């Protein structure tokens, strides 16, 4: 990757902690995880290098613990709305209270992880999202968010494993496919593998014009690199 291009994309990645994509279309808090092959309804972020699938998480309970008390639901909805509206301190206070009063629920931990990432606290984000995944291990969206937390913390091996776990849970979950491609492109510097994942993502989201441009850019860079290597060898 050319140094100027790498610097540009690295700068773009600084926006990751500020992204809460699709906040205006929050999911049903009691909806079950989408089955494999079901559309995920989450589009990629529009800024190069910004990971996808970072919207506030639903309130997830273990099957034997539903229905959830109305007061708990209201408290969660208030905190989630505060997060979606950018009232971070209020959101953190609400989610933290719910993790103490209802430690069996994954949603408060998942959203607290988003709050910590936005506040630049990667270790706390990882801890909160690890707990969320522990409570709801079958949710592809939570595994994807944990991958984002690991990536922000600089643990690329764990980020890769979490994205792959998300894809294994739901092969049609585009955000995890895209984020794994970004990881290979920008952090692991494996352009060939990144292209495979970007192409796979495009089969899930064929109208994503932004990622089409990323693919063109990466192919151009790969071609230029190969030409330079052939010149050196010749």
Protein backbone atom coordinates (compact mmCIF):
# COMPACT_ATOMS: atom_id res chain seq x y z
CA UNK A 1 0.00 0.00 0.00
CA UNK A 2 1.47 3.37 -0.93
CA UNK A 3 2.27 5.53 2.09
CA UNK A 4 -0.10 8.33 1.07
CA UNK A 5 -2.96 5.91 0.55
CA UNK A 6 -2.19 4.17 3.82
CA UNK A 7 -2.19 7.50 5.66
CA UNK A 8 -5.51 8.46 4.08
CA UNK A 9 -7.19 5.23 5.06
CA UNK A 10 -5.67 5.30 8.54
CA UNK A 11 -7.14 8.77 9.01
CA UNK A 12 -10.50 7.47 7.89
CA UNK A 13 -10.31 4.77 10.54
CA UNK A 14 -10.26 7.46 13.21
CA UNK A 15 -13.94 7.91 12.43
CA UNK A 16 -14.79 4.35 13.49
CA UNK A 17 -15.50 5.24 17.11
CA UNK A 18 -17.91 7.98 16.01
CA UNK A 19 -19.97 5.78 13.73
CA UNK A 20 -23.31 4.43 14.90
CA UNK A 21 -24.68 3.37 11.53
CA UNK A 22 -28.44 2.99 10.95
CA UNK A 23 -29.37 4.35 14.38
CA UNK A 24 -32.76 5.49 13.13
CA UNK A 25 -33.90 1.93 12.43
CA UNK A 26 -33.33 0.13 15.71
CA UNK A 27 -34.35 -3.55 15.70
CA UNK A 28 -37.08 -5.14 17.76
CA UNK A 29 -35.42 -5.79 21.13
CA UNK A 30 -37.07 -9.20 21.41
CA UNK A 31 -36.37 -10.33 17.85
CA UNK A 32 -34.42 -13.60 17.60
CA UNK A 33 -31.15 -13.78 15.74
CA UNK A 34 -31.61 -13.93 11.97
CA UNK A 35 -31.17 -17.46 10.60
CA UNK A 36 -28.42 -18.25 8.16
CA UNK A 37 -29.35 -17.05 4.71
CA UNK A 38 -31.67 -14.33 5.97
CA UNK A 39 -31.02 -10.74 4.85
CA UNK A 40 -29.28 -8.74 7.53
CA UNK A 41 -30.58 -5.31 6.54
CA UNK A 42 -27.33 -3.51 7.44
CA UNK A 43 -25.54 -1.50 4.79
CA UNK A 44 -21.86 -0.74 4.78
CA UNK A 45 -20.63 2.54 6.14
CA UNK A 46 -20.13 5.18 3.44
CA UNK A 47 -16.65 6.26 4.53
CA UNK A 48 -13.63 4.25 3.32
CA UNK A 49 -12.13 2.21 6.12
CA UNK A 50 -15.06 2.61 8.50
CA UNK A 51 -16.35 -0.72 9.71
CA UNK A 52 -19.96 -1.76 9.23
CA UNK A 53 -22.58 -3.13 11.55
CA UNK A 54 -22.06 -0.80 14.52
CA UNK A 55 -25.64 0.15 15.27
CA UNK A 56 -26.96 -0.10 18.85
CA UNK A 57 -27.66 -3.69 19.80
CA UNK A 58 -31.08 -5.07 20.79
CA UNK A 59 -31.96 -6.22 24.27
CA UNK A 60 -31.06 -9.91 24.19
CA UNK A 61 -32.23 -12.26 26.94
CA UNK A 62 -31.73 -15.95 27.49
CA UNK A 63 -34.85 -17.87 26.38
CA UNK A 64 -35.77 -18.93 29.90
CA UNK A 65 -35.64 -15.34 31.17
CA UNK A 66 -38.23 -13.70 28.89
CA UNK A 67 -40.58 -11.89 29.13
CA UNK A 68 -38.58 -8.95 30.43
CA UNK A 69 -40.10 -6.66 33.03
CA UNK A 70 -41.64 -3.51 31.48
CA UNK A 71 -39.54 -1.26 33.70
CA UNK A 72 -36.35 -2.95 32.46
CA UNK A 73 -37.50 -2.57 28.86
CA UNK A 74 -38.22 1.13 29.36
CA UNK A 75 -34.85 1.72 30.99
CA UNK A 76 -33.12 -0.06 28.12
CA UNK A 77 -35.08 1.83 25.46
CA UNK A 78 -34.22 5.15 27.15
CA UNK A 79 -30.51 4.30 27.23
CA UNK A 80 -30.52 3.09 23.63
CA UNK A 81 -32.27 6.25 22.47
CA UNK A 82 -29.70 8.33 24.34
CA UNK A 83 -26.93 6.43 22.53
CA UNK A 84 -28.59 6.90 19.15
CA UNK A 85 -28.97 10.62 19.87
CA UNK A 86 -25.37 11.10 20.95
CA UNK A 87 -26.08 11.59 24.64
CA UNK A 88 -23.19 9.36 25.58
CA UNK A 89 -22.94 10.09 29.31
CA UNK A 90 -26.64 9.42 29.76
CA UNK A 91 -26.43 6.23 27.69
CA UNK A 92 -23.44 4.95 29.65
CA UNK A 93 -25.19 5.60 32.94
CA UNK A 94 -28.31 3.75 31.79
CA UNK A 95 -26.53 0.72 30.35
CA UNK A 96 -24.20 0.45 33.35
CA UNK A 97 -27.17 0.42 35.71
CA UNK A 98 -28.82 -2.35 33.67
CA UNK A 99 -25.69 -4.54 33.72
CA UNK A 100 -25.86 -4.39 37.50
CA UNK A 101 -29.60 -4.90 37.91
CA UNK A 102 -29.96 -7.45 35.08
CA UNK A 103 -26.56 -9.07 34.48
CA UNK A 104 -28.18 -11.88 32.48
CA UNK A 105 -29.03 -9.54 29.56
CA UNK A 106 -26.62 -9.21 26.63
CA UNK A 107 -28.00 -5.97 25.17
CA UNK A 108 -26.80 -3.59 27.90
CA UNK A 109 -23.28 -5.04 27.76
CA UNK A 110 -23.19 -4.82 23.95
CA UNK A 111 -24.25 -1.20 23.92
CA UNK A 112 -21.94 -0.34 26.79
CA UNK A 113 -19.17 -1.71 24.59
CA UNK A 114 -20.18 0.77 21.86
CA UNK A 115 -20.11 3.59 24.41
CA UNK A 116 -16.61 2.62 25.56
CA UNK A 117 -15.36 2.43 21.96
CA UNK A 118 -16.78 5.85 21.21
CA UNK A 119 -15.10 7.24 24.33
CA UNK A 120 -11.72 5.78 23.36
CA UNK A 121 -11.65 3.06 26.02
CA UNK A 122 -10.83 -0.05 23.99
CA UNK A 123 -10.05 -2.36 26.91
CA UNK A 124 -13.42 -1.60 28.53
CA UNK A 125 -15.15 -2.05 25.17
CA UNK A 126 -13.59 -5.48 24.76
CA UNK A 127 -14.60 -6.54 28.27
CA UNK A 128 -18.22 -5.44 27.80
CA UNK A 129 -18.60 -7.07 24.40
CA UNK A 130 -16.93 -10.29 25.52
CA UNK A 131 -19.61 -10.48 28.22
CA UNK A 132 -22.36 -9.80 25.66
CA UNK A 133 -21.09 -12.59 23.40
CA UNK A 134 -20.83 -14.92 26.38
CA UNK A 135 -24.49 -14.28 27.18
CA UNK A 136 -25.69 -14.55 23.55
CA UNK A 137 -23.10 -16.67 21.71
CA UNK A 138 -25.34 -17.31 18.68
CA UNK A 139 -25.71 -13.70 17.56
CA UNK A 140 -23.62 -12.80 14.51
CA UNK A 141 -24.05 -9.08 15.15
CA UNK A 142 -22.53 -9.26 18.63
CA UNK A 143 -19.57 -11.34 17.40
CA UNK A 144 -19.01 -8.68 14.72
CA UNK A 145 -19.08 -5.89 17.30
CA UNK A 146 -16.59 -7.78 19.46
CA UNK A 147 -14.35 -7.99 16.40
CA UNK A 148 -14.55 -4.22 16.06
CA UNK A 149 -13.57 -3.83 19.71
CA UNK A 150 -10.57 -6.12 19.29
CA UNK A 151 -9.54 -4.25 16.13
CA UNK A 152 -9.74 -0.93 17.96
CA UNK A 153 -7.63 -2.40 20.77
CA UNK A 154 -5.00 -3.48 18.22
CA UNK A 155 -5.54 -7.22 18.66
CA UNK A 156 -5.87 -8.18 15.02
CA UNK A 157 -5.72 -11.93 15.60
CA UNK A 158 -8.73 -11.84 17.93
CA UNK A 159 -10.53 -9.40 15.62
CA UNK A 160 -10.06 -11.86 12.76
CA UNK A 161 -11.35 -14.75 14.88
CA UNK A 162 -14.43 -12.78 15.95
CA UNK A 163 -15.31 -11.74 12.40
CA UNK A 164 -14.88 -15.33 11.27
CA UNK A 165 -17.10 -16.47 14.15
CA UNK A 166 -19.76 -13.98 13.06
CA UNK A 167 -19.62 -15.29 9.49
CA UNK A 168 -19.79 -18.89 10.72
CA UNK A 169 -22.96 -18.02 12.65
CA UNK A 170 -24.56 -16.31 9.62
CA UNK A 171 -22.86 -16.57 6.25
CA UNK A 172 -25.15 -13.83 4.89
CA UNK A 173 -24.15 -11.26 7.52
CA UNK A 174 -22.48 -8.70 5.28
CA UNK A 175 -20.91 -6.41 7.92
CA UNK A 176 -18.66 -9.17 9.25
CA UNK A 177 -17.57 -10.14 5.72
CA UNK A 178 -16.79 -6.51 4.92
CA UNK A 179 -14.98 -5.88 8.21
CA UNK A 180 -12.83 -8.97 7.73
CA UNK A 181 -11.94 -7.65 4.28
CA UNK A 182 -11.01 -4.27 5.76
CA UNK A 183 -8.86 -6.02 8.36
CA UNK A 184 -6.94 -7.90 5.66
CA UNK A 185 -6.68 -4.77 3.50
CA UNK A 186 -5.61 -2.14 6.02
CA UNK A 187 -4.03 -4.07 8.88
CA UNK A 188 -2.84 -7.48 7.68
CA UNK A 189 -1.78 -6.16 4.25
CA UNK A 190 -3.08 -9.18 2.38
CA UNK A 191 -4.64 -7.65 -0.71
CA UNK A 192 -5.53 -10.94 -2.34
CA UNK A 193 -7.53 -12.14 0.64
CA UNK A 194 -9.11 -8.71 1.05
CA UNK A 195 -10.29 -8.81 -2.56
CA UNK A 196 -11.85 -12.23 -2.03
CA UNK A 197 -13.81 -10.91 0.94
CA UNK A 198 -14.82 -7.67 -0.78
CA UNK A 199 -16.08 -9.70 -3.74
CA UNK A 200 -18.00 -11.97 -1.38
CA UNK A 201 -19.51 -8.94 0.30
CA UNK A 202 -20.57 -7.54 -3.06
CA UNK A 203 -22.49 -10.73 -3.75
CA UNK A 204 -24.45 -9.97 -0.58
CA UNK A 205 -24.73 -6.22 -1.21
CA UNK A 206 -24.39 -5.77 -5.00
CA UNK A 207 -25.45 -2.11 -4.95
CA UNK A 208 -22.76 -0.83 -2.58
CA UNK A 209 -21.01 1.68 -4.83
CA UNK A 210 -18.49 2.69 -2.16
CA UNK A 211 -17.10 -0.81 -1.78
CA UNK A 212 -16.99 -1.15 -5.57
CA UNK A 213 -14.59 1.81 -5.54
CA UNK A 214 -12.50 0.20 -2.80
CA UNK A 215 -12.21 -2.93 -4.94
CA UNK A 216 -11.11 -0.92 -7.98
CA UNK A 217 -8.54 0.94 -5.88
CA UNK A 218 -7.17 -2.25 -4.33
CA UNK A 219 -6.92 -3.99 -7.72
CA UNK A 220 -5.07 -0.99 -9.13
CA UNK A 221 -2.64 -1.03 -6.21
CA UNK A 222 -2.13 -4.77 -6.56
CA UNK A 223 -1.43 -4.42 -10.29
CA UNK A 224 1.08 -1.62 -9.66
CA UNK A 225 2.81 -3.63 -6.94
CA UNK A 226 3.09 -6.68 -9.18
CA UNK A 227 4.50 -4.56 -12.00
CA UNK A 228 7.09 -3.03 -9.68
CA UNK A 229 8.13 -6.47 -8.43
CA UNK A 230 8.49 -7.77 -11.99
CA UNK A 231 10.61 -4.73 -12.86
CA UNK A 232 12.90 -5.32 -9.90
CA UNK A 233 13.26 -8.98 -10.76
CA UNK A 234 13.93 -8.19 -14.42
